Amino acid sequence: MSPAEQTLLLDLIEHKALDDRDADKVTEHANTHGCSWVHAALTMSLVPTEALALGLSRVLGHARWTTSVADPELLELDLWDPAFCMAHRLLAWRDSEGGHHIATADPTNLGVMTQAQARLDHPVRWWVAAQDELESGLHYWQQRWEWQRPSTPMDDSSDPAPPSHNPDEDGIEDVPVVKLLHELMSKAHRMRASDLHIEPYELHVRVRWRIDGHLHEMCTIPLSMRDGMASRLKVLARLDIADKRLPQDGRIQLQLNGETVHGRVNSLPTLFGEKLVVRLLPNTPVHRELEELGMEPLEHSNLAHALARPQGMVLVTGPTGSGKTVTLYACLQRLNQAHVNIATAEDPCEIHVSGINQLQVHEKAGLTFATALRAFLRQDPDILMIGEIRDMETADVAIKAAQTGHLVLSTLHTNDAPATLTRLLNMGVAAYNVVASVKLVVAQRLLRRLCPHCKRPSTLTHEQLLAAGAPASTLHDPIEVFEAVGCARCHQGFHGRLGLYQTMPMTDDLQALVLQNSGELALRQAAQAAGIRSLRTLGLIWVQRGQTTLGEVLLNTPD
């Protein structure tokens, strides 16, 4: 909830247009559906439209619009795209002096307001309208447009012709597209989004952002801006704007909110146009010490002990976006000393560290992970880090390096630590090589952290926690936890993320089971018997500490 929406909620309660119970219902709907608070209030009809319009006028300072304000003869018929106005519920007109005005029932929707302002490229005075009155005005406006519409056949409005784009030498295109893209990127940056998704569909373009690992809808933009948006981003990323048949990757550098922001751009041809994803990279390199990751003492001790070994393999596993790279670099930070030769092969290489020899994999040119590892071994390394073990060739070279006096760090994609051992065996690595080389496996996840400013106390029963996998010995009365609410300082009740880290040293029992080619279940049972805690168990510890919710743990950890 934005500061303006928070102020509006309090204003409506103060003027007795909304009670606390209905306020909670609207807030919960907005958080659940990822929409603005005003949109939720309009959808649920829990606030009288007149009272909501008056509250918005008081809080935002916009003039109150009624049907008597705009002369119907001055309604914009030539300047505006009716489909855009009807889709976003905007009523536009000019006054007698040529000034431009727009009325809306939701002036908190900055995405739509930015699009409208960019289309007009003139100063606009915004008005706030009661939804029922606005609908009457839009109905009359649409009737007049239909009546004045040319009788000659028109292009299908569901698939308008793309605008003409002729970038100049600086890459500047149509001003509305430039302004809209900048506003979208700026807002994503302010909201701490890691990714911005621009997705074309048959009748519109959806814009979503990923915040704390979860995708949320930001806004929709007209289909007529689809190609302009794609061309603008591709120009900024130095991609080929003429090639729309193949995926492309590039990098950008932008000035957003007074900061220099770097990003990666990927274009992907889809059925209705090019989908574009912009990854917003941290302004400063992510250099974290091992102690800053938030591991439990036992798990931290296991990892520190493995890193102190002169040779062997440490594997970090988890899904994409679970923080594996940050963990690997926290390990390298500890190992990075003047008397040690460290080399890394990555795809892509996102974190630059002085004192470490980093290599960017380029598979099209023949520079694969396996090729890089073989080259590293000819340069007298002590420690090797490979971004990911993807195939048997890479696994074979990494295993041999770990057996010949080198400490090797790498990643795999598996559900938990025991599954990593069976994954290596299924790739074709001999069991005796797994036993001889792997010293520790780290499995990890990232959970959204509850906002400390608005989280609300709640309770869980012993039965709920036991059903979720909590050991009975860890439970106590009363079981007090917290739940997400949502406020102006967070996004849907969460702010930031915390890590779960399962660490599994290779015990004698685990090694024996690997040599016997035992299944994943037997390995998991042996790990549990050795005191190795599961990701679910570790997550429930954070629930009982009031740092996250049971739902977050159940969603992100295997049973």
Protein backbone atom coordinates (compact mmCIF):
# COMPACT_ATOMS: atom_id res chain seq x y z
CA MET A 1 0.00 0.00 0.00
CA SER A 2 1.42 3.37 -1.03
CA PRO A 3 1.59 6.34 1.39
CA ALA A 4 -1.27 8.03 -0.50
CA GLU A 5 -3.46 4.93 -0.20
CA GLN A 6 -2.66 4.65 3.50
CA THR A 7 -3.66 8.28 4.02
CA LEU A 8 -6.85 7.71 2.00
CA LEU A 9 -7.82 4.72 4.14
CA LEU A 10 -7.41 6.75 7.34
CA ASP A 11 -9.33 9.67 5.80
CA LEU A 12 -12.28 7.43 4.87
CA ILE A 13 -12.38 5.93 8.35
CA GLU A 14 -12.24 9.40 9.90
CA HIS A 15 -15.17 10.57 7.73
CA LYS A 16 -17.09 7.38 8.58
CA ALA A 17 -17.22 6.23 4.97
CA LEU A 18 -15.49 2.96 5.92
CA ASP A 19 -15.19 0.91 9.11
CA ASP A 20 -12.16 -1.04 10.27
CA ARG A 21 -13.60 -4.42 9.24
CA ASP A 22 -14.31 -3.34 5.65
CA ALA A 23 -10.94 -1.56 5.50
CA ASP A 24 -9.23 -4.86 6.32
CA LYS A 25 -11.29 -6.65 3.64
CA VAL A 26 -10.30 -4.12 0.97
CA THR A 27 -6.63 -4.23 2.00
CA GLU A 28 -6.61 -8.02 1.94
CA HIS A 29 -8.20 -8.04 -1.54
CA ALA A 30 -5.62 -5.55 -2.82
CA ASN A 31 -2.74 -7.58 -1.38
CA THR A 32 -4.10 -10.89 -2.68
CA HIS A 33 -4.75 -9.65 -6.21
CA GLY A 34 -1.76 -7.30 -6.50
CA CYS A 35 -3.96 -4.31 -7.39
CA SER A 36 -4.21 -0.79 -6.02
CA TRP A 37 -6.24 -0.19 -2.87
CA VAL A 38 -8.63 2.10 -4.76
CA HIS A 39 -9.18 -0.52 -7.46
CA ALA A 40 -10.01 -3.06 -4.74
CA ALA A 41 -12.44 -0.63 -3.09
CA LEU A 42 -14.18 0.01 -6.41
CA THR A 43 -14.35 -3.70 -7.21
CA MET A 44 -15.76 -4.71 -3.82
CA SER A 45 -18.21 -1.76 -3.59
CA LEU A 46 -17.56 -1.40 0.15
CA VAL A 47 -17.11 2.38 -0.09
CA PRO A 48 -19.80 4.64 -1.60
CA THR A 49 -18.43 5.97 -4.89
CA GLU A 50 -19.19 9.57 -3.93
CA ALA A 51 -17.42 9.20 -0.57
CA LEU A 52 -14.41 7.56 -2.24
CA ALA A 53 -14.15 10.37 -4.81
CA LEU A 54 -14.35 13.04 -2.09
CA GLY A 55 -11.68 11.23 -0.06
CA LEU A 56 -9.36 11.03 -3.07
CA SER A 57 -9.95 14.72 -3.76
CA ARG A 58 -9.03 15.63 -0.19
CA VAL A 59 -5.95 13.42 -0.01
CA LEU A 60 -4.48 14.00 -3.48
CA GLY A 61 -5.63 17.56 -4.05
CA HIS A 62 -7.35 16.83 -7.39
CA ALA A 63 -10.49 18.78 -8.20
CA ARG A 64 -13.79 16.90 -7.94
CA TRP A 65 -15.36 16.11 -11.34
CA THR A 66 -19.09 15.92 -11.99
CA THR A 67 -21.09 15.69 -15.20
CA SER A 68 -21.58 19.46 -15.13
CA VAL A 69 -17.82 20.21 -15.33
CA ALA A 70 -17.04 19.25 -18.93
CA ASP A 71 -18.93 20.67 -21.87
CA PRO A 72 -19.90 17.62 -23.98
CA GLU A 73 -18.99 19.54 -27.10
CA LEU A 74 -15.40 19.84 -25.85
CA LEU A 75 -14.85 16.11 -25.25
CA GLU A 76 -11.72 14.90 -27.02
CA LEU A 77 -12.70 12.96 -30.12
CA ASP A 78 -9.71 13.49 -32.38
CA LEU A 79 -6.77 13.42 -29.98
CA TRP A 80 -7.49 10.27 -27.99
CA ASP A 81 -7.73 6.59 -28.85
CA PRO A 82 -11.23 5.61 -27.67
CA ALA A 83 -10.14 2.03 -27.00
CA PHE A 84 -7.43 3.29 -24.64
CA CYS A 85 -9.80 5.63 -22.79
CA MET A 86 -12.54 3.03 -22.43
CA ALA A 87 -10.09 0.32 -21.32
CA HIS A 88 -8.63 2.54 -18.59
CA ARG A 89 -11.84 4.48 -17.75
CA LEU A 90 -10.50 7.94 -18.60
CA LEU A 91 -12.63 10.91 -19.68
CA ALA A 92 -10.67 13.62 -21.50
CA TRP A 93 -11.67 17.11 -22.63
CA ARG A 94 -10.32 20.54 -23.55
CA ASP A 95 -11.48 23.77 -21.98
CA SER A 96 -12.30 26.89 -23.96
CA GLU A 97 -8.67 28.06 -23.72
CA GLY A 98 -7.26 24.81 -25.04
CA GLY A 99 -6.20 23.37 -21.66
CA HIS A 100 -6.28 19.56 -21.34
CA HIS A 101 -8.19 17.75 -18.59
CA ILE A 102 -8.69 14.10 -17.67
CA ALA A 103 -11.09 12.62 -15.13
CA THR A 104 -10.55 9.20 -13.53
CA ALA A 105 -12.01 7.22 -10.64
CA ASP A 106 -8.57 5.95 -9.60
CA PRO A 107 -5.91 8.69 -9.61
CA THR A 108 -3.57 6.40 -7.66
CA ASN A 109 -2.95 4.30 -10.80
CA LEU A 110 0.30 6.00 -11.77
CA GLY A 111 0.96 3.57 -14.63
CA VAL A 112 -2.21 4.58 -16.50
CA MET A 113 -1.73 8.27 -15.68
CA THR A 114 1.82 8.16 -17.03
CA GLN A 115 0.64 6.49 -20.23
CA ALA A 116 -2.06 9.11 -20.71
CA GLN A 117 0.35 11.98 -20.07
CA ALA A 118 2.91 10.47 -22.45
CA ARG A 119 0.32 10.10 -25.21
CA LEU A 120 -0.79 13.71 -24.93
CA ASP A 121 2.61 15.34 -24.41
CA HIS A 122 0.87 18.41 -22.95
CA PRO A 123 0.31 19.50 -19.35
CA VAL A 124 -2.79 17.79 -17.98
CA ARG A 125 -5.04 18.75 -15.10
CA TRP A 126 -6.35 15.66 -13.38
CA TRP A 127 -9.81 15.36 -11.85
CA VAL A 128 -11.23 12.68 -9.60
CA ALA A 129 -14.69 11.31 -10.39
CA ALA A 130 -17.20 9.06 -8.71
CA GLN A 131 -17.24 5.83 -10.65
CA ASP A 132 -20.97 5.87 -11.47
CA GLU A 133 -20.80 9.45 -12.77
CA LEU A 134 -17.67 8.66 -14.75
CA GLU A 135 -19.38 5.69 -16.39
CA SER A 136 -22.27 7.94 -17.47
CA GLY A 137 -19.82 10.40 -19.00
CA LEU A 138 -17.91 7.65 -20.78
CA HIS A 139 -21.13 6.20 -22.17
CA TYR A 140 -22.13 9.57 -23.64
CA TRP A 141 -18.59 10.14 -24.94
CA GLN A 142 -18.51 6.74 -26.63
CA GLN A 143 -21.87 7.36 -28.29
CA ARG A 144 -20.62 10.66 -29.74
CA TRP A 145 -17.46 9.01 -31.00
CA GLU A 146 -19.41 6.21 -32.67
CA TRP A 147 -21.72 8.79 -34.27
CA GLN A 148 -18.80 10.84 -35.67
CA ARG A 149 -16.74 7.81 -36.66
CA PRO A 150 -15.84 7.68 -40.39
CA SER A 151 -17.95 5.29 -42.42
CA THR A 152 -14.97 3.97 -44.35
CA PRO A 153 -13.48 0.66 -43.21
CA MET A 154 -10.88 0.99 -40.45
CA ASP A 155 -8.05 -1.25 -39.33
CA ASP A 156 -8.88 -3.85 -36.73
CA SER A 157 -8.53 -2.02 -33.41
CA SER A 158 -7.46 -5.23 -31.71
CA ASP A 159 -4.28 -5.29 -33.77
CA PRO A 160 -3.32 -1.74 -34.71
CA ALA A 161 -0.53 -1.09 -37.13
CA PRO A 162 2.75 -0.59 -35.32
CA PRO A 163 3.97 3.02 -35.16
CA SER A 164 6.88 4.03 -37.32
CA HIS A 165 10.15 4.20 -35.39
CA ASN A 166 13.22 5.87 -36.78
CA PRO A 167 15.72 6.17 -33.95
CA ASP A 168 18.19 8.98 -34.31
CA GLU A 169 21.86 8.54 -33.61
CA ASP A 170 21.25 8.76 -29.86
CA GLY A 171 18.64 6.01 -30.00
CA ILE A 172 15.73 8.33 -29.13
CA GLU A 173 12.37 7.24 -30.53
CA ASP A 174 8.76 8.37 -30.05
CA VAL A 175 8.55 10.60 -26.99
CA PRO A 176 5.51 8.83 -25.40
CA VAL A 177 7.30 5.48 -25.56
CA VAL A 178 10.47 6.95 -24.06
CA LYS A 179 8.56 8.59 -21.21
CA LEU A 180 6.48 5.52 -20.44
CA LEU A 181 9.44 3.15 -20.44
CA HIS A 182 11.42 5.47 -18.18
CA GLU A 183 8.50 5.70 -15.75
CA LEU A 184 8.06 1.93 -15.67
CA MET A 185 11.76 1.37 -15.03
CA SER A 186 11.92 4.12 -12.40
CA LYS A 187 8.95 2.72 -10.50
CA ALA A 188 10.36 -0.82 -10.67
CA HIS A 189 13.64 0.49 -9.27
CA ARG A 190 11.87 2.35 -6.45
CA MET A 191 9.91 -0.77 -5.52
CA ARG A 192 13.10 -2.90 -5.33
CA ALA A 193 11.97 -5.07 -8.25
CA SER A 194 14.57 -7.47 -9.58
CA ASP A 195 12.90 -7.98 -12.97
CA LEU A 196 10.50 -6.15 -15.26
CA HIS A 197 8.43 -8.28 -17.69
CA ILE A 198 6.79 -6.68 -20.76
CA GLU A 199 4.48 -9.31 -22.26
CA PRO A 200 2.41 -8.84 -25.45
CA TYR A 201 -0.96 -10.54 -25.82
CA GLU A 202 -3.70 -10.37 -28.43
CA LEU A 203 -5.44 -7.22 -27.15
CA HIS A 204 -2.99 -5.58 -24.75
CA VAL A 205 0.52 -5.64 -23.30
CA ARG A 206 0.88 -6.73 -19.69
CA VAL A 207 3.66 -5.33 -17.49
CA ARG A 208 4.71 -7.29 -14.41
CA TRP A 209 7.53 -6.95 -11.93
CA ARG A 210 9.21 -9.42 -9.61
CA ILE A 211 9.57 -8.23 -6.03
CA ASP A 212 11.13 -10.45 -3.37
CA GLY A 213 10.93 -13.39 -5.77
CA HIS A 214 7.21 -13.05 -6.63
CA LEU A 215 5.68 -11.70 -9.84
CA HIS A 216 2.96 -9.04 -9.57
CA GLU A 217 1.00 -7.25 -12.28
CA MET A 218 2.07 -3.62 -12.55
CA CYS A 219 -0.21 -2.31 -15.31
CA THR A 220 -1.29 -2.86 -18.89
CA ILE A 221 -0.32 -0.69 -21.83
CA PRO A 222 -2.00 -0.28 -25.24
CA LEU A 223 -1.13 -2.72 -27.97
CA SER A 224 -0.22 0.24 -30.17
CA MET A 225 2.87 0.83 -28.01
CA ARG A 226 4.08 -2.78 -28.22
CA ASP A 227 6.56 -2.45 -31.06
CA GLY A 228 7.78 0.96 -29.93
CA MET A 229 8.55 -0.38 -26.46
CA ALA A 230 10.44 -3.35 -27.91
CA SER A 231 12.42 -1.16 -30.32
CA ARG A 232 13.33 1.33 -27.62
CA LEU A 233 14.63 -1.32 -25.23
CA LYS A 234 16.55 -3.09 -27.99
CA VAL A 235 18.20 0.16 -29.04
CA LEU A 236 19.26 0.85 -25.44
CA ALA A 237 20.65 -2.69 -25.13
CA ARG A 238 22.39 -2.48 -28.55
CA LEU A 239 20.37 -5.35 -29.97
CA ASP A 240 19.28 -5.83 -33.57
CA ILE A 241 15.86 -4.13 -33.79
CA ALA A 242 15.23 -5.64 -37.22
CA ASP A 243 15.56 -9.25 -36.01
CA LYS A 244 12.32 -10.31 -34.33
CA ARG A 245 12.63 -14.03 -35.02
CA LEU A 246 15.36 -15.07 -32.57
CA PRO A 247 15.98 -14.43 -28.86
CA GLN A 248 18.58 -11.76 -28.08
CA ASP A 249 20.52 -10.72 -24.97
CA GLY A 250 22.06 -7.37 -24.15
CA ARG A 251 22.99 -4.97 -21.38
CA ILE A 252 21.76 -1.48 -20.52
CA GLN A 253 22.77 1.39 -18.25
CA LEU A 254 20.13 3.89 -17.13
CA GLN A 255 19.77 6.87 -14.81
CA LEU A 256 16.84 6.05 -12.51
CA ASN A 257 15.83 8.04 -9.45
CA GLY A 258 19.19 9.80 -9.38
CA GLU A 259 21.20 6.56 -9.56
CA THR A 260 23.07 4.73 -12.29
CA VAL A 261 21.36 1.36 -12.74
CA HIS A 262 22.72 -1.52 -14.80
CA GLY A 263 20.53 -4.21 -16.28
CA ARG A 264 20.28 -7.16 -18.65
CA VAL A 265 17.70 -7.26 -21.43
CA ASN A 266 16.37 -10.42 -23.04
CA SER A 267 13.97 -10.46 -25.99
CA LEU A 268 11.91 -13.52 -26.87
CA PRO A 269 9.63 -13.88 -29.92
CA THR A 270 6.13 -14.96 -28.85
CA LEU A 271 2.84 -15.47 -30.65
CA PHE A 272 1.78 -11.81 -30.30
CA GLY A 273 5.14 -10.06 -30.43
CA GLU A 274 8.42 -9.86 -28.56
CA LYS A 275 8.38 -10.43 -24.82
CA LEU A 276 11.07 -8.41 -23.06
CA VAL A 277 12.51 -9.05 -19.62
CA VAL A 278 14.79 -6.52 -17.94
CA ARG A 279 16.87 -7.78 -15.01
CA LEU A 280 17.76 -4.84 -12.76
CA LEU A 281 21.16 -5.56 -11.25
CA PRO A 282 22.23 -4.26 -7.83
CA ASN A 283 23.85 -0.83 -7.90
CA THR A 284 26.76 -2.17 -5.88
CA PRO A 285 28.34 -5.63 -6.12
CA VAL A 286 26.85 -8.21 -3.75
CA HIS A 287 29.84 -8.94 -1.53
CA ARG A 288 28.65 -10.72 1.59
CA GLU A 289 30.67 -12.40 4.26
CA LEU A 290 29.74 -15.95 5.20
CA GLU A 291 28.46 -14.74 8.57
CA GLU A 292 26.04 -12.35 6.87
CA LEU A 293 24.05 -15.05 5.07
CA GLY A 294 21.96 -15.86 8.14
CA MET A 295 22.85 -19.54 8.51
CA GLU A 296 22.05 -21.40 11.70
CA PRO A 297 25.17 -22.07 13.82
CA LEU A 298 25.38 -25.80 12.97
CA GLU A 299 24.95 -25.19 9.23
CA HIS A 300 27.50 -22.37 9.28
CA SER A 301 30.00 -24.60 11.11
CA ASN A 302 29.56 -27.39 8.55
CA LEU A 303 30.23 -25.05 5.63
CA ALA A 304 33.18 -23.34 7.28
CA HIS A 305 34.76 -26.72 8.02
CA ALA A 306 34.38 -27.84 4.37
CA LEU A 307 35.93 -24.61 3.08
CA ALA A 308 38.95 -25.15 5.34
CA ARG A 309 39.81 -28.37 3.50
CA PRO A 310 42.64 -28.17 0.95
CA GLN A 311 40.72 -30.22 -1.63
CA GLY A 312 37.36 -31.73 -2.41
CA MET A 313 34.05 -30.50 -3.78
CA VAL A 314 31.42 -28.26 -2.17
CA LEU A 315 28.12 -28.18 -4.07
CA VAL A 316 25.36 -25.59 -3.65
CA THR A 317 21.93 -26.63 -4.90
CA GLY A 318 18.54 -25.01 -5.31
CA PRO A 319 16.18 -23.61 -7.95
CA THR A 320 16.94 -20.57 -10.09
CA GLY A 321 16.78 -17.40 -8.02
CA SER A 322 17.48 -19.07 -4.67
CA GLY A 323 20.71 -17.14 -4.05
CA LYS A 324 23.25 -19.81 -4.94
CA THR A 325 25.66 -17.34 -6.59
CA VAL A 326 25.63 -15.08 -3.54
CA THR A 327 26.45 -18.07 -1.34
CA LEU A 328 29.33 -19.13 -3.59
CA TYR A 329 30.80 -15.64 -3.52
CA ALA A 330 30.48 -15.47 0.24
CA CYS A 331 32.59 -18.63 0.28
CA LEU A 332 35.11 -17.10 -2.13
CA GLN A 333 35.29 -13.97 -0.01
CA ARG A 334 36.53 -16.11 2.87
CA LEU A 335 39.00 -17.98 0.65
CA ASN A 336 40.28 -14.95 -1.28
CA GLN A 337 43.83 -14.39 0.03
CA ALA A 338 47.07 -13.24 -1.54
CA HIS A 339 48.69 -16.69 -1.42
CA VAL A 340 45.76 -18.47 -3.11
CA ASN A 341 45.09 -18.76 -6.86
CA ILE A 342 41.31 -18.66 -7.46
CA ALA A 343 39.63 -18.99 -10.87
CA THR A 344 35.92 -18.97 -11.74
CA ALA A 345 33.90 -19.83 -14.86
CA GLU A 346 30.43 -18.28 -14.92
CA ASP A 347 27.46 -17.71 -17.21
CA PRO A 348 26.84 -14.85 -16.75
CA CYS A 349 29.54 -13.24 -14.64
CA GLU A 350 27.57 -10.77 -12.49
CA ILE A 351 29.72 -10.15 -9.41
CA HIS A 352 33.22 -8.78 -9.98
CA VAL A 353 35.79 -9.43 -7.24
CA SER A 354 39.33 -8.13 -7.12
CA GLY A 355 41.90 -10.89 -6.62
CA ILE A 356 39.86 -13.57 -8.39
CA ASN A 357 40.40 -14.61 -12.01
CA GLN A 358 36.92 -14.64 -13.54
CA LEU A 359 35.98 -16.05 -16.93
CA GLN A 360 32.75 -15.57 -18.88
CA VAL A 361 31.57 -18.76 -20.59
CA HIS A 362 30.83 -18.38 -24.31
CA GLU A 363 29.38 -21.66 -25.55
CA LYS A 364 28.81 -20.50 -29.15
CA ALA A 365 32.51 -19.77 -29.41
CA GLY A 366 33.38 -23.14 -27.88
CA LEU A 367 34.29 -21.79 -24.43
CA THR A 368 32.23 -24.12 -22.24
CA PHE A 369 32.47 -24.84 -18.52
CA ALA A 370 34.45 -28.00 -19.23
CA THR A 371 36.82 -26.16 -21.59
CA ALA A 372 37.37 -23.43 -19.00
CA LEU A 373 38.09 -25.98 -16.27
CA ARG A 374 40.69 -27.74 -18.36
CA ALA A 375 42.37 -24.41 -19.09
CA PHE A 376 42.31 -23.46 -15.40
CA LEU A 377 44.07 -26.69 -14.45
CA ARG A 378 47.03 -25.68 -16.61
CA GLN A 379 47.45 -22.44 -14.62
CA ASP A 380 48.27 -23.91 -11.21
CA PRO A 381 44.99 -23.11 -9.40
CA ASP A 382 44.21 -23.74 -5.74
CA ILE A 383 40.47 -23.07 -5.79
CA LEU A 384 38.05 -23.39 -8.71
CA MET A 385 34.48 -22.20 -8.94
CA ILE A 386 32.25 -23.31 -11.81
CA GLY A 387 28.87 -21.66 -12.22
CA GLU A 388 26.92 -24.86 -12.83
CA ILE A 389 27.48 -28.56 -13.51
CA ARG A 390 25.17 -29.11 -16.47
CA ASP A 391 26.50 -32.26 -18.12
CA MET A 392 28.69 -35.29 -17.65
CA GLU A 393 31.70 -33.68 -19.35
CA THR A 394 31.75 -30.80 -16.87
CA ALA A 395 31.07 -33.12 -13.94
CA ASP A 396 33.94 -35.41 -14.94
CA VAL A 397 36.50 -32.59 -15.13
CA ALA A 398 35.27 -31.05 -11.86
CA ILE A 399 35.38 -34.41 -10.05
CA LYS A 400 38.95 -35.06 -11.23
CA ALA A 401 40.03 -31.57 -10.15
CA ALA A 402 38.56 -32.16 -6.68
CA GLN A 403 40.56 -35.39 -6.41
CA THR A 404 43.88 -33.89 -7.47
CA GLY A 405 44.49 -31.28 -4.79
CA HIS A 406 41.96 -28.57 -5.68
CA LEU A 407 38.97 -27.17 -3.79
CA VAL A 408 36.07 -27.02 -6.25
CA LEU A 409 32.85 -25.05 -5.73
CA SER A 410 29.84 -25.43 -8.02
CA THR A 411 26.04 -25.60 -8.24
CA LEU A 412 23.37 -28.10 -9.28
CA HIS A 413 19.60 -27.89 -9.60
CA THR A 414 18.05 -30.37 -7.13
CA ASN A 415 15.34 -30.24 -4.45
CA ASP A 416 17.55 -30.83 -1.43
CA ALA A 417 21.01 -32.01 -0.38
CA PRO A 418 20.44 -35.84 -0.52
CA ALA A 419 18.94 -35.53 -4.03
CA THR A 420 22.23 -33.98 -5.21
CA LEU A 421 24.09 -37.26 -4.73
CA THR A 422 21.58 -39.23 -6.80
CA ARG A 423 21.66 -36.49 -9.44
CA LEU A 424 25.42 -36.97 -9.87
CA LEU A 425 24.98 -40.73 -10.12
CA ASN A 426 22.22 -40.32 -12.72
CA MET A 427 24.49 -38.04 -14.77
CA GLY A 428 26.92 -40.93 -15.05
CA VAL A 429 29.49 -40.06 -12.37
CA ALA A 430 30.87 -43.26 -10.84
CA ALA A 431 29.83 -43.83 -7.23
CA TYR A 432 33.44 -44.12 -6.02
CA ASN A 433 34.21 -40.72 -7.61
CA VAL A 434 31.24 -39.12 -5.82
CA VAL A 435 32.42 -40.57 -2.50
CA ALA A 436 36.04 -39.52 -3.08
CA SER A 437 35.31 -35.94 -4.15
CA VAL A 438 32.11 -34.52 -2.59
CA LYS A 439 32.71 -33.20 0.93
CA LEU A 440 29.61 -31.06 1.54
CA VAL A 441 26.29 -30.25 -0.13
CA VAL A 442 24.40 -27.04 0.63
CA ALA A 443 20.72 -26.84 -0.33
CA GLN A 444 19.07 -23.45 -0.05
CA ARG A 445 15.91 -21.40 -0.56
CA LEU A 446 14.91 -17.76 -0.15
CA LEU A 447 11.76 -16.86 1.80
CA ARG A 448 10.02 -13.49 1.91
CA ARG A 449 10.62 -11.74 5.23
CA LEU A 450 7.65 -10.25 7.08
CA CYS A 451 7.59 -6.46 7.24
CA PRO A 452 8.48 -5.50 10.83
CA HIS A 453 6.24 -2.42 10.68
CA CYS A 454 2.89 -4.06 9.92
CA LYS A 455 3.10 -7.79 10.67
CA ARG A 456 0.22 -8.93 12.85
CA PRO A 457 0.35 -11.52 15.69
CA SER A 458 -1.35 -14.83 15.02
CA THR A 459 -1.28 -18.35 16.40
CA LEU A 460 -0.74 -21.88 15.12
CA THR A 461 -1.72 -25.14 16.76
CA HIS A 462 0.66 -27.96 17.54
CA GLU A 463 -1.22 -30.05 14.99
CA GLN A 464 -0.63 -27.51 12.21
CA LEU A 465 3.10 -27.34 12.85
CA LEU A 466 3.45 -31.10 13.28
CA ALA A 467 1.57 -31.62 10.00
CA ALA A 468 3.99 -29.19 8.35
CA GLY A 469 6.97 -31.22 9.57
CA ALA A 470 8.09 -29.45 12.74
CA PRO A 471 9.81 -31.78 15.23
CA ALA A 472 7.68 -32.14 18.37
CA SER A 473 10.70 -31.27 20.54
CA THR A 474 10.85 -27.75 19.07
CA LEU A 475 7.25 -26.84 19.93
CA HIS A 476 6.19 -24.93 23.01
CA ASP A 477 3.09 -23.14 24.31
CA PRO A 478 1.78 -20.75 23.24
CA ILE A 479 2.76 -21.03 19.57
CA GLU A 480 2.80 -17.35 18.63
CA VAL A 481 3.57 -16.44 15.03
CA PHE A 482 2.90 -13.49 12.72
CA GLU A 483 1.00 -12.95 9.47
CA ALA A 484 1.41 -10.49 6.60
CA VAL A 485 -0.74 -7.35 6.50
CA GLY A 486 0.69 -4.72 4.17
CA CYS A 487 1.65 -1.07 4.69
CA ALA A 488 3.32 1.85 2.93
CA ARG A 489 6.81 0.54 3.74
CA CYS A 490 6.47 -2.93 2.23
CA HIS A 491 4.89 -4.92 -0.59
CA GLN A 492 1.90 -7.03 0.47
CA GLY A 493 3.25 -7.42 3.99
CA PHE A 494 6.78 -8.52 3.08
CA HIS A 495 10.05 -6.64 2.76
CA GLY A 496 13.23 -8.39 1.71
CA ARG A 497 14.10 -12.06 1.97
CA LEU A 498 15.89 -14.47 4.30
CA GLY A 499 17.82 -17.61 3.45
CA LEU A 500 17.37 -21.25 4.39
CA TYR A 501 20.53 -23.36 4.25
CA GLN A 502 20.63 -27.13 4.66
CA THR A 503 24.20 -28.41 4.92
CA MET A 504 25.01 -32.10 4.52
CA PRO A 505 28.57 -33.31 5.20
CA MET A 506 29.46 -36.64 3.59
CA THR A 507 29.33 -39.00 6.56
CA ASP A 508 30.57 -42.61 6.49
CA ASP A 509 26.97 -43.88 6.34
CA LEU A 510 26.13 -41.63 3.37
CA GLN A 511 29.27 -42.74 1.55
CA ALA A 512 28.38 -46.39 2.12
CA LEU A 513 24.86 -45.84 0.75
CA VAL A 514 26.24 -44.11 -2.36
CA LEU A 515 28.61 -47.01 -3.01
CA GLN A 516 25.67 -49.41 -2.64
CA ASN A 517 23.70 -47.30 -5.16
CA SER A 518 20.93 -46.82 -2.59
CA GLY A 519 17.98 -44.66 -3.53
CA GLU A 520 17.22 -41.07 -2.60
CA LEU A 521 14.89 -42.09 0.23
CA ALA A 522 17.61 -44.11 1.96
CA LEU A 523 20.04 -41.20 1.63
CA ARG A 524 17.48 -38.79 3.09
CA GLN A 525 16.79 -41.09 6.05
CA ALA A 526 20.52 -41.48 6.72
CA ALA A 527 20.98 -37.70 6.60
CA GLN A 528 18.15 -37.22 9.10
CA ALA A 529 19.64 -39.87 11.39
CA ALA A 530 22.95 -37.96 11.27
CA GLY A 531 21.23 -34.80 12.55
CA ILE A 532 21.06 -33.02 9.20
CA ARG A 533 17.97 -30.80 9.34
CA SER A 534 15.67 -30.50 6.34
CA LEU A 535 14.83 -27.21 4.62
CA ARG A 536 11.26 -27.51 5.94
CA THR A 537 12.50 -27.85 9.53
CA LEU A 538 14.84 -24.89 9.15
CA GLY A 539 12.04 -22.80 7.65
CA LEU A 540 9.70 -23.54 10.54
CA ILE A 541 12.32 -22.15 12.89
CA TRP A 542 11.97 -18.78 11.13
CA VAL A 543 8.16 -19.04 11.40
CA GLN A 544 8.37 -19.48 15.16
CA ARG A 545 10.77 -16.52 15.33
CA GLY A 546 8.15 -14.35 13.64
CA GLN A 547 10.28 -13.63 10.57
CA THR A 548 8.13 -15.33 7.90
CA THR A 549 4.84 -17.19 7.51
CA LEU A 550 3.95 -20.86 7.43
CA GLY A 551 2.58 -20.36 3.92
CA GLU A 552 5.95 -19.10 2.68
CA VAL A 553 7.72 -22.15 4.11
CA LEU A 554 5.22 -24.65 2.70
CA LEU A 555 5.37 -22.99 -0.72
CA ASN A 556 9.16 -22.95 -0.99
CA THR A 557 10.41 -26.11 0.71
CA PRO A 558 10.02 -29.79 -0.26
CA ASP A 559 8.04 -32.08 2.05
